[in-house]
Amino acid sequence: MNNMDMAKLMNLLSKMDKKELEQGLNKAAQILNSPDKDKIINEINKNKDK
């Protein structure tokens, strides 16, 4: 992960409440442990645009 991605991640985390943060961390763990990382990331990006 490059510095820009880390800065974006930290910015997003700073705006979340505890419940959102826990969900985000669970999703991040799921992505890191999944062989289909790109698929999950694409789904998140699609949902974010809605």
Protein backbone atom coordinates (compact mmCIF):
# COMPACT_ATOMS: atom_id res chain seq x y z
CA MET A 1 0.00 0.00 0.00
CA ASN A 2 1.51 3.30 -0.98
CA ASN A 3 1.42 6.49 1.10
CA MET A 4 -1.47 8.00 -0.84
CA ASP A 5 -3.65 4.96 -0.20
CA MET A 6 -2.70 5.05 3.49
CA ALA A 7 -3.57 8.77 3.70
CA LYS A 8 -6.98 8.10 2.10
CA LEU A 9 -7.56 5.20 4.49
CA MET A 10 -6.68 7.28 7.55
CA ASN A 11 -8.94 10.09 6.33
CA LEU A 12 -11.86 7.68 5.90
CA LEU A 13 -11.26 6.11 9.31
CA SER A 14 -11.22 9.50 11.01
CA LYS A 15 -14.77 10.19 9.72
CA MET A 16 -16.31 6.91 10.91
CA ASP A 17 -18.07 6.18 14.16
CA LYS A 18 -17.19 3.06 16.17
CA LYS A 19 -19.75 0.78 14.49
CA GLU A 20 -18.70 1.88 10.99
CA LEU A 21 -15.05 1.49 11.96
CA GLU A 22 -15.62 -2.09 13.15
CA GLN A 23 -17.45 -2.92 9.91
CA GLY A 24 -14.64 -1.32 7.89
CA LEU A 25 -11.98 -3.28 9.73
CA ASN A 26 -13.90 -6.52 9.26
CA LYS A 27 -14.19 -5.79 5.53
CA ALA A 28 -10.47 -4.96 5.36
CA ALA A 29 -9.61 -8.25 7.08
CA GLN A 30 -11.91 -10.08 4.66
CA ILE A 31 -10.17 -8.42 1.69
CA LEU A 32 -6.69 -9.23 3.00
CA ASN A 33 -7.60 -12.87 3.59
CA SER A 34 -9.48 -13.36 0.32
CA PRO A 35 -8.11 -14.70 -2.95
CA ASP A 36 -10.66 -12.42 -4.71
CA LYS A 37 -9.31 -9.11 -3.38
CA ASP A 38 -9.97 -7.21 -6.62
CA LYS A 39 -13.57 -8.40 -6.79
CA ILE A 40 -14.31 -7.25 -3.23
CA ILE A 41 -12.61 -3.89 -3.79
CA ASN A 42 -14.59 -3.35 -6.99
CA GLU A 43 -17.85 -4.11 -5.14
CA ILE A 44 -16.95 -1.57 -2.44
CA ASN A 45 -16.14 1.05 -5.06
CA LYS A 46 -19.46 0.42 -6.84
CA ASN A 47 -21.38 0.78 -3.56
CA LYS A 48 -19.47 3.94 -2.67
CA ASP A 49 -20.57 5.64 -5.90
CA LYS A 50 -24.27 5.08 -5.17
